[in-house]
Amino acid sequence: MLSHNTTITFGDEDLEGLRLPNHDPLVISAGIGDFCSNVKRMLVDNGSSVDVLFLSTLESMKLTKKHLFPTARLVYGFDNHPVPVQVVITLPITIGEFSKQAAHNVHFIVIDSSSTYNAIFGRPVQSIFRAIPTSPHLAMKFLTIRGVGVIHRVKEESYACYSKQV
């Protein structure tokens, strides 16, 4: 059972190995789906009000159609142009490392758009996991039944994604 008195903090020890200041995105890996496929290049984005799975990622996971629910919704990017949502899907997500892991079902919108990322973890997934991401530390901490878990950015993936976008 999660303790309601647990505090998540970041300190100087969380900065070890980082070159400051940095402008890298927080890019992580997580287990997605019933078979816990390790999906890389997942952007943690505090500015996103939805959790996004890109169609190319969904297709590579080879999920059956029973997982998919068609929708006619639109989402708007920072350029305020509408992007049609292909389908919605709820998938189990596992984050962290043994023994401090957490797993929850996450409701994703699926869009057919090119991206350097495979998925975007927005504010909903952060709320579900009770996770606190921090850009200066390039990490995200979250509550587990065994205390506070942490995910650090995947350095190589973070650099690759950042360099493709600038």
C-alpha atoms as a PDB file:
ATOM      1  CA  MET A   1       0.000   0.000   0.000  1.00  0.00           C
ATOM      2  CA  LEU A   2       1.265   3.465  -0.873  1.00  0.00           C
ATOM      3  CA  SER A   3       2.048   5.719   2.030  1.00  0.00           C
ATOM      4  CA  HIS A   4       0.368   9.114   1.867  1.00  0.00           C
ATOM      5  CA  ASN A   5       3.212  10.527   3.967  1.00  0.00           C
ATOM      6  CA  THR A   6       5.945   9.730   1.445  1.00  0.00           C
ATOM      7  CA  THR A   7       7.766  12.785   0.131  1.00  0.00           C
ATOM      8  CA  ILE A   8       9.450  12.897  -3.257  1.00  0.00           C
ATOM      9  CA  THR A   9      12.528  15.106  -3.315  1.00  0.00           C
ATOM     10  CA  PHE A  10      15.411  15.837  -5.655  1.00  0.00           C
ATOM     11  CA  GLY A  11      18.835  16.849  -4.385  1.00  0.00           C
ATOM     12  CA  ASP A  12      22.380  17.425  -5.555  1.00  0.00           C
ATOM     13  CA  GLU A  13      22.964  13.649  -5.583  1.00  0.00           C
ATOM     14  CA  ASP A  14      20.404  13.433  -8.410  1.00  0.00           C
ATOM     15  CA  LEU A  15      22.597  15.725 -10.546  1.00  0.00           C
ATOM     16  CA  GLU A  16      25.602  13.369 -10.548  1.00  0.00           C
ATOM     17  CA  GLY A  17      26.855  12.628 -14.044  1.00  0.00           C
ATOM     18  CA  LEU A  18      24.908  15.487 -15.642  1.00  0.00           C
ATOM     19  CA  ARG A  19      26.463  18.435 -17.387  1.00  0.00           C
ATOM     20  CA  LEU A  20      24.675  21.619 -16.334  1.00  0.00           C
ATOM     21  CA  PRO A  21      22.915  23.527 -17.589  1.00  0.00           C
ATOM     22  CA  ASN A  22      21.255  21.081 -19.961  1.00  0.00           C
ATOM     23  CA  HIS A  23      18.386  21.472 -22.381  1.00  0.00           C
ATOM     24  CA  ASP A  24      17.848  17.807 -23.127  1.00  0.00           C
ATOM     25  CA  PRO A  25      14.340  16.394 -23.132  1.00  0.00           C
ATOM     26  CA  LEU A  26      13.419  13.811 -20.519  1.00  0.00           C
ATOM     27  CA  VAL A  27      13.317  10.674 -22.679  1.00  0.00           C
ATOM     28  CA  ILE A  28      12.737   7.343 -20.940  1.00  0.00           C
ATOM     29  CA  SER A  29      11.926   3.698 -21.638  1.00  0.00           C
ATOM     30  CA  ALA A  30       8.958   1.830 -20.181  1.00  0.00           C
ATOM     31  CA  GLY A  31       7.220  -1.516 -20.445  1.00  0.00           C
ATOM     32  CA  ILE A  32       4.010  -1.251 -22.455  1.00  0.00           C
ATOM     33  CA  GLY A  33       1.311  -3.820 -23.144  1.00  0.00           C
ATOM     34  CA  ASP A  34       0.370  -7.228 -21.870  1.00  0.00           C
ATOM     35  CA  PHE A  35       3.785  -8.639 -22.780  1.00  0.00           C
ATOM     36  CA  CYS A  36       5.579  -5.587 -21.357  1.00  0.00           C
ATOM     37  CA  SER A  37       7.379  -4.610 -24.561  1.00  0.00           C
ATOM     38  CA  ASN A  38      10.282  -2.304 -23.742  1.00  0.00           C
ATOM     39  CA  VAL A  39       9.410   0.877 -25.618  1.00  0.00           C
ATOM     40  CA  LYS A  40      12.200   3.421 -25.964  1.00  0.00           C
ATOM     41  CA  ARG A  41      12.138   7.116 -26.872  1.00  0.00           C
ATOM     42  CA  MET A  42       9.188   8.109 -24.687  1.00  0.00           C
ATOM     43  CA  LEU A  43       9.046  11.842 -24.022  1.00  0.00           C
ATOM     44  CA  VAL A  44       7.894  12.987 -20.581  1.00  0.00           C
ATOM     45  CA  ASP A  45       6.075  16.239 -21.335  1.00  0.00           C
ATOM     46  CA  ASN A  46       4.512  18.405 -18.617  1.00  0.00           C
ATOM     47  CA  GLY A  47       2.891  20.523 -21.328  1.00  0.00           C
ATOM     48  CA  SER A  48       0.838  17.709 -22.831  1.00  0.00           C
ATOM     49  CA  SER A  49      -2.729  17.278 -21.606  1.00  0.00           C
ATOM     50  CA  VAL A  50      -2.967  13.816 -23.219  1.00  0.00           C
ATOM     51  CA  ASP A  51      -0.858  10.670 -23.379  1.00  0.00           C
ATOM     52  CA  VAL A  52       0.079   9.922 -26.982  1.00  0.00           C
ATOM     53  CA  LEU A  53       1.102   6.731 -28.720  1.00  0.00           C
ATOM     54  CA  PHE A  54       2.169   7.220 -32.310  1.00  0.00           C
ATOM     55  CA  LEU A  55       0.593   4.945 -34.912  1.00  0.00           C
ATOM     56  CA  SER A  56       3.983   3.620 -36.068  1.00  0.00           C
ATOM     57  CA  THR A  57       4.742   2.506 -32.504  1.00  0.00           C
ATOM     58  CA  LEU A  58       1.348   0.863 -32.146  1.00  0.00           C
ATOM     59  CA  GLU A  59       1.813  -1.019 -35.422  1.00  0.00           C
ATOM     60  CA  SER A  60       5.239  -2.281 -34.365  1.00  0.00           C
ATOM     61  CA  MET A  61       3.690  -3.679 -31.165  1.00  0.00           C
ATOM     62  CA  LYS A  62       1.385  -5.902 -33.278  1.00  0.00           C
ATOM     63  CA  LEU A  63      -1.636  -5.571 -31.009  1.00  0.00           C
ATOM     64  CA  THR A  64      -4.902  -7.141 -32.004  1.00  0.00           C
ATOM     65  CA  LYS A  65      -7.807  -4.940 -33.079  1.00  0.00           C
ATOM     66  CA  LYS A  66      -9.705  -5.856 -29.887  1.00  0.00           C
ATOM     67  CA  HIS A  67      -7.459  -3.375 -28.061  1.00  0.00           C
ATOM     68  CA  LEU A  68      -8.424  -0.472 -30.337  1.00  0.00           C
ATOM     69  CA  PHE A  69     -11.414   1.838 -30.083  1.00  0.00           C
ATOM     70  CA  PRO A  70     -12.119   4.199 -33.007  1.00  0.00           C
ATOM     71  CA  THR A  71     -12.771   7.849 -32.263  1.00  0.00           C
ATOM     72  CA  ALA A  72     -13.404  11.058 -34.173  1.00  0.00           C
ATOM     73  CA  ARG A  73     -11.551  13.369 -31.791  1.00  0.00           C
ATOM     74  CA  LEU A  74      -9.013  16.017 -32.678  1.00  0.00           C
ATOM     75  CA  VAL A  75      -6.025  17.223 -30.681  1.00  0.00           C
ATOM     76  CA  TYR A  76      -4.222  20.488 -31.168  1.00  0.00           C
ATOM     77  CA  GLY A  77      -0.458  20.874 -31.141  1.00  0.00           C
ATOM     78  CA  PHE A  78       1.496  23.927 -30.087  1.00  0.00           C
ATOM     79  CA  ASP A  79       1.007  25.334 -33.599  1.00  0.00           C
ATOM     80  CA  ASN A  80      -2.780  25.172 -32.974  1.00  0.00           C
ATOM     81  CA  HIS A  81      -3.379  22.936 -35.999  1.00  0.00           C
ATOM     82  CA  PRO A  82      -5.770  20.014 -35.502  1.00  0.00           C
ATOM     83  CA  VAL A  83      -4.416  16.480 -35.652  1.00  0.00           C
ATOM     84  CA  PRO A  84      -6.982  13.676 -36.018  1.00  0.00           C
ATOM     85  CA  VAL A  85      -6.930  10.939 -33.395  1.00  0.00           C
ATOM     86  CA  GLN A  86      -6.915   7.529 -35.119  1.00  0.00           C
ATOM     87  CA  VAL A  87      -8.019   5.373 -32.206  1.00  0.00           C
ATOM     88  CA  VAL A  88      -7.802   5.253 -28.436  1.00  0.00           C
ATOM     89  CA  ILE A  89      -6.266   2.395 -26.529  1.00  0.00           C
ATOM     90  CA  THR A  90      -5.773   1.458 -22.903  1.00  0.00           C
ATOM     91  CA  LEU A  91      -2.575  -0.417 -22.165  1.00  0.00           C
ATOM     92  CA  PRO A  92      -0.766  -1.496 -19.018  1.00  0.00           C
ATOM     93  CA  ILE A  93       2.442   0.480 -18.410  1.00  0.00           C
ATOM     94  CA  THR A  94       5.271  -0.576 -16.101  1.00  0.00           C
ATOM     95  CA  ILE A  95       7.900   1.948 -15.059  1.00  0.00           C
ATOM     96  CA  GLY A  96      10.948   1.684 -12.830  1.00  0.00           C
ATOM     97  CA  GLU A  97      13.347  -1.067 -11.948  1.00  0.00           C
ATOM     98  CA  PHE A  98      12.871  -4.089  -9.737  1.00  0.00           C
ATOM     99  CA  SER A  99      12.059  -3.769  -6.813  1.00  0.00           C
ATOM    100  CA  LYS A 100      10.716  -0.240  -7.127  1.00  0.00           C
ATOM    101  CA  GLN A 101       8.332  -0.546 -10.040  1.00  0.00           C
ATOM    102  CA  ALA A 102       4.815   0.678 -10.565  1.00  0.00           C
ATOM    103  CA  ALA A 103       2.210  -0.507 -13.074  1.00  0.00           C
ATOM    104  CA  HIS A 104      -1.053   1.124 -14.123  1.00  0.00           C
ATOM    105  CA  ASN A 105      -3.385   1.101 -17.109  1.00  0.00           C
ATOM    106  CA  VAL A 106      -2.957   4.188 -19.274  1.00  0.00           C
ATOM    107  CA  HIS A 107      -5.431   5.599 -21.785  1.00  0.00           C
ATOM    108  CA  PHE A 108      -3.540   6.696 -24.938  1.00  0.00           C
ATOM    109  CA  ILE A 109      -4.719   8.569 -27.968  1.00  0.00           C
ATOM    110  CA  VAL A 110      -3.128   7.250 -31.167  1.00  0.00           C
ATOM    111  CA  ILE A 111      -2.142   9.701 -33.864  1.00  0.00           C
ATOM    112  CA  ASP A 112      -0.600   9.179 -37.290  1.00  0.00           C
ATOM    113  CA  SER A 113       2.151  11.765 -37.199  1.00  0.00           C
ATOM    114  CA  SER A 114       5.899  11.620 -37.624  1.00  0.00           C
ATOM    115  CA  SER A 115       7.902  12.098 -34.461  1.00  0.00           C
ATOM    116  CA  THR A 116      11.333  11.333 -33.111  1.00  0.00           C
ATOM    117  CA  TYR A 117       9.483   9.844 -30.126  1.00  0.00           C
ATOM    118  CA  ASN A 118       7.460   6.639 -29.866  1.00  0.00           C
ATOM    119  CA  ALA A 119       5.113   8.008 -27.221  1.00  0.00           C
ATOM    120  CA  ILE A 120       4.472  11.042 -25.069  1.00  0.00           C
ATOM    121  CA  PHE A 121       3.774  10.725 -21.365  1.00  0.00           C
ATOM    122  CA  GLY A 122       1.729  13.810 -20.562  1.00  0.00           C
ATOM    123  CA  ARG A 123       0.150  15.063 -17.372  1.00  0.00           C
ATOM    124  CA  PRO A 124      -2.420  12.225 -17.166  1.00  0.00           C
ATOM    125  CA  VAL A 125       0.203   9.471 -16.884  1.00  0.00           C
ATOM    126  CA  GLN A 126       2.178  11.575 -14.426  1.00  0.00           C
ATOM    127  CA  SER A 127      -0.945  11.901 -12.285  1.00  0.00           C
ATOM    128  CA  ILE A 128      -1.798   8.182 -12.511  1.00  0.00           C
ATOM    129  CA  PHE A 129       1.703   7.205 -11.357  1.00  0.00           C
ATOM    130  CA  ARG A 130       1.915  10.100  -8.872  1.00  0.00           C
ATOM    131  CA  ALA A 131       5.136  10.940 -10.678  1.00  0.00           C
ATOM    132  CA  ILE A 132       7.235  14.074 -10.441  1.00  0.00           C
ATOM    133  CA  PRO A 133       9.465  14.744 -13.470  1.00  0.00           C
ATOM    134  CA  THR A 134      12.293  17.257 -13.308  1.00  0.00           C
ATOM    135  CA  SER A 135      14.117  18.665 -16.305  1.00  0.00           C
ATOM    136  CA  PRO A 136      17.310  19.806 -14.525  1.00  0.00           C
ATOM    137  CA  HIS A 137      17.780  16.301 -13.079  1.00  0.00           C
ATOM    138  CA  LEU A 138      16.579  14.507 -16.229  1.00  0.00           C
ATOM    139  CA  ALA A 139      14.668  12.077 -14.042  1.00  0.00           C
ATOM    140  CA  MET A 140      11.195  11.223 -12.869  1.00  0.00           C
ATOM    141  CA  LYS A 141      10.405   9.934  -9.390  1.00  0.00           C
ATOM    142  CA  PHE A 142       7.188   8.132  -8.498  1.00  0.00           C
ATOM    143  CA  LEU A 143       5.607   6.267  -5.625  1.00  0.00           C
ATOM    144  CA  THR A 144       5.696   2.483  -5.366  1.00  0.00           C
ATOM    145  CA  ILE A 145       4.613   0.101  -2.630  1.00  0.00           C
ATOM    146  CA  ARG A 146       8.315  -0.160  -1.672  1.00  0.00           C
ATOM    147  CA  GLY A 147       9.084   3.549  -1.563  1.00  0.00           C
ATOM    148  CA  VAL A 148      10.111   6.068  -4.179  1.00  0.00           C
ATOM    149  CA  GLY A 149      11.147   4.735  -7.596  1.00  0.00           C
ATOM    150  CA  VAL A 150      13.146   6.664 -10.149  1.00  0.00           C
ATOM    151  CA  ILE A 151      13.561   6.639 -13.909  1.00  0.00           C
ATOM    152  CA  HIS A 152      16.546   8.420 -15.387  1.00  0.00           C
ATOM    153  CA  ARG A 153      16.644   9.622 -18.936  1.00  0.00           C
ATOM    154  CA  VAL A 154      18.104   7.255 -21.504  1.00  0.00           C
ATOM    155  CA  LYS A 155      21.128   9.372 -22.392  1.00  0.00           C
ATOM    156  CA  GLU A 156      21.711   8.169 -25.954  1.00  0.00           C
ATOM    157  CA  GLU A 157      18.023   8.341 -26.868  1.00  0.00           C
ATOM    158  CA  SER A 158      17.687  11.775 -25.301  1.00  0.00           C
ATOM    159  CA  TYR A 159      20.619  13.153 -27.321  1.00  0.00           C
ATOM    160  CA  ALA A 160      19.356  11.565 -30.539  1.00  0.00           C
ATOM    161  CA  CYS A 161      15.859  12.997 -30.135  1.00  0.00           C
ATOM    162  CA  TYR A 162      17.118  16.433 -29.169  1.00  0.00           C
ATOM    163  CA  SER A 163      19.551  16.664 -32.080  1.00  0.00           C
ATOM    164  CA  LYS A 164      16.820  15.692 -34.577  1.00  0.00           C
ATOM    165  CA  GLN A 165      14.575  18.497 -33.337  1.00  0.00           C
ATOM    166  CA  VAL A 166      17.001  21.442 -33.262  1.00  0.00           C
END
